[in-house]
Amino acid sequence: MPIRPGAYPFSGNIGVTEDVVEYINRRKSDFRISTSCGGPILLPVSIKPPKKTDILVPAGDYVIFVSIHQARYLSTIHMGMVPLFPDDFCE
């Protein structure tokens, strides 16, 4: 999804750990932090598309869209927000 200039506000207040940046770069996709029953979750935008109200956080060559509902509680995006799938263990 191309990002329109000025469509999403950038945030410099939320950090991203290096292992999350590496994870995102390996998957070659933008991601989104949204709300789940277990707390914030990091999913590819192909699964959870961004919303116009999201905040952008740069992560390597890609972007993490953060739900405004989660943004106020986040200081760092870390691997604890990444759901584990069976193919993650095959790398």
C-alpha atoms as a PDB file:
ATOM      1  CA  MET A   1       0.000   0.000   0.000  1.00  0.00           C
ATOM      2  CA  PRO A   2       1.601   3.306  -0.991  1.00  0.00           C
ATOM      3  CA  ILE A   3       1.719   5.901   1.753  1.00  0.00           C
ATOM      4  CA  ARG A   4       0.305   9.305   0.855  1.00  0.00           C
ATOM      5  CA  PRO A   5       2.430  12.153   2.217  1.00  0.00           C
ATOM      6  CA  GLY A   6       0.782  13.628   5.277  1.00  0.00           C
ATOM      7  CA  ALA A   7      -1.835  10.855   5.449  1.00  0.00           C
ATOM      8  CA  TYR A   8      -0.356   9.336   8.618  1.00  0.00           C
ATOM      9  CA  PRO A   9       1.477  11.172  11.412  1.00  0.00           C
ATOM     10  CA  PHE A  10       5.013   9.950  12.208  1.00  0.00           C
ATOM     11  CA  SER A  11       5.987   9.166  15.773  1.00  0.00           C
ATOM     12  CA  GLY A  12       9.466   9.530  17.165  1.00  0.00           C
ATOM     13  CA  ASN A  13       8.302   8.593  20.655  1.00  0.00           C
ATOM     14  CA  ILE A  14       7.960   4.834  20.070  1.00  0.00           C
ATOM     15  CA  GLY A  15      11.156   2.801  19.758  1.00  0.00           C
ATOM     16  CA  VAL A  16      11.620  -0.458  17.860  1.00  0.00           C
ATOM     17  CA  THR A  17      14.050  -3.156  19.005  1.00  0.00           C
ATOM     18  CA  GLU A  18      16.703  -4.372  16.560  1.00  0.00           C
ATOM     19  CA  ASP A  19      15.288  -7.919  16.496  1.00  0.00           C
ATOM     20  CA  VAL A  20      11.905  -6.555  15.386  1.00  0.00           C
ATOM     21  CA  VAL A  21      13.568  -4.503  12.627  1.00  0.00           C
ATOM     22  CA  GLU A  22      15.409  -7.655  11.446  1.00  0.00           C
ATOM     23  CA  TYR A  23      12.139  -9.646  11.582  1.00  0.00           C
ATOM     24  CA  ILE A  24      10.335  -7.018   9.467  1.00  0.00           C
ATOM     25  CA  ASN A  25      13.192  -6.711   6.955  1.00  0.00           C
ATOM     26  CA  ARG A  26      13.251 -10.517   6.483  1.00  0.00           C
ATOM     27  CA  ARG A  27       9.524 -10.493   5.714  1.00  0.00           C
ATOM     28  CA  LYS A  28       9.783  -7.480   3.364  1.00  0.00           C
ATOM     29  CA  SER A  29       6.491  -5.952   4.437  1.00  0.00           C
ATOM     30  CA  ASP A  30       5.006  -3.114   6.433  1.00  0.00           C
ATOM     31  CA  PHE A  31       3.382  -4.193   9.700  1.00  0.00           C
ATOM     32  CA  ARG A  32       0.675  -2.939  12.039  1.00  0.00           C
ATOM     33  CA  ILE A  33       0.324  -2.962  15.813  1.00  0.00           C
ATOM     34  CA  SER A  34      -3.290  -3.564  16.715  1.00  0.00           C
ATOM     35  CA  THR A  35      -5.270  -4.673  19.719  1.00  0.00           C
ATOM     36  CA  SER A  36      -5.828  -8.332  20.570  1.00  0.00           C
ATOM     37  CA  CYS A  37      -7.303 -10.015  23.627  1.00  0.00           C
ATOM     38  CA  GLY A  38      -3.712 -10.634  24.817  1.00  0.00           C
ATOM     39  CA  GLY A  39      -2.566  -7.030  24.283  1.00  0.00           C
ATOM     40  CA  PRO A  40      -0.755  -5.350  21.391  1.00  0.00           C
ATOM     41  CA  ILE A  41       0.075  -7.630  18.457  1.00  0.00           C
ATOM     42  CA  LEU A  42       2.354  -7.050  15.437  1.00  0.00           C
ATOM     43  CA  LEU A  43       0.862  -8.334  12.176  1.00  0.00           C
ATOM     44  CA  PRO A  44       1.676  -7.799   8.481  1.00  0.00           C
ATOM     45  CA  VAL A  45      -0.530  -5.244   6.735  1.00  0.00           C
ATOM     46  CA  SER A  46      -1.690  -8.056   4.433  1.00  0.00           C
ATOM     47  CA  ILE A  47      -3.487  -9.508   7.482  1.00  0.00           C
ATOM     48  CA  LYS A  48      -4.338  -6.311   9.375  1.00  0.00           C
ATOM     49  CA  PRO A  49      -4.492  -3.300   7.002  1.00  0.00           C
ATOM     50  CA  PRO A  50      -3.625   0.164   8.348  1.00  0.00           C
ATOM     51  CA  LYS A  51      -6.254   2.714   9.256  1.00  0.00           C
ATOM     52  CA  LYS A  52      -6.172   6.437   8.510  1.00  0.00           C
ATOM     53  CA  THR A  53      -5.928   7.139  12.242  1.00  0.00           C
ATOM     54  CA  ASP A  54      -2.746   5.050  12.696  1.00  0.00           C
ATOM     55  CA  ILE A  55       0.604   6.529  13.661  1.00  0.00           C
ATOM     56  CA  LEU A  56       3.711   5.613  11.634  1.00  0.00           C
ATOM     57  CA  VAL A  57       6.860   4.272  13.247  1.00  0.00           C
ATOM     58  CA  PRO A  58       9.887   3.702  10.973  1.00  0.00           C
ATOM     59  CA  ALA A  59      11.420   0.210  11.176  1.00  0.00           C
ATOM     60  CA  GLY A  60      14.394  -0.342   8.868  1.00  0.00           C
ATOM     61  CA  ASP A  61      13.237  -0.115   5.258  1.00  0.00           C
ATOM     62  CA  TYR A  62       9.598  -0.531   6.289  1.00  0.00           C
ATOM     63  CA  VAL A  63       6.946   1.087   8.461  1.00  0.00           C
ATOM     64  CA  ILE A  64       4.955  -0.061  11.457  1.00  0.00           C
ATOM     65  CA  PHE A  65       1.455   1.397  11.595  1.00  0.00           C
ATOM     66  CA  VAL A  66       0.367   1.755  15.217  1.00  0.00           C
ATOM     67  CA  SER A  67      -3.265   1.904  16.249  1.00  0.00           C
ATOM     68  CA  ILE A  68      -4.007   5.132  18.105  1.00  0.00           C
ATOM     69  CA  HIS A  69      -5.598   2.946  20.774  1.00  0.00           C
ATOM     70  CA  GLN A  70      -2.226   1.237  21.382  1.00  0.00           C
ATOM     71  CA  ALA A  71       0.087   4.204  20.710  1.00  0.00           C
ATOM     72  CA  ARG A  72      -0.620   5.941  23.999  1.00  0.00           C
ATOM     73  CA  TYR A  73       0.553   2.852  25.938  1.00  0.00           C
ATOM     74  CA  LEU A  74       3.656   1.946  23.891  1.00  0.00           C
ATOM     75  CA  SER A  75       7.210   3.091  24.408  1.00  0.00           C
ATOM     76  CA  THR A  76       8.905   0.199  22.557  1.00  0.00           C
ATOM     77  CA  ILE A  77       7.827  -2.346  19.945  1.00  0.00           C
ATOM     78  CA  HIS A  78       9.459  -5.672  20.846  1.00  0.00           C
ATOM     79  CA  MET A  79       9.386  -9.365  19.856  1.00  0.00           C
ATOM     80  CA  GLY A  80       6.864 -10.138  22.595  1.00  0.00           C
ATOM     81  CA  MET A  81       4.273  -8.550  20.288  1.00  0.00           C
ATOM     82  CA  VAL A  82       5.024 -10.968  17.437  1.00  0.00           C
ATOM     83  CA  PRO A  83       2.748 -14.028  17.246  1.00  0.00           C
ATOM     84  CA  LEU A  84       4.644 -17.249  16.598  1.00  0.00           C
ATOM     85  CA  PHE A  85       3.601 -19.397  13.644  1.00  0.00           C
ATOM     86  CA  PRO A  86       4.886 -22.914  12.833  1.00  0.00           C
ATOM     87  CA  ASP A  87       6.917 -21.723   9.821  1.00  0.00           C
ATOM     88  CA  ASP A  88       8.798 -19.288  12.114  1.00  0.00           C
ATOM     89  CA  PHE A  89      10.601 -22.286  13.593  1.00  0.00           C
ATOM     90  CA  CYS A  90      11.807 -23.540  10.190  1.00  0.00           C
ATOM     91  CA  GLU A  91      14.250 -20.684   9.503  1.00  0.00           C
END
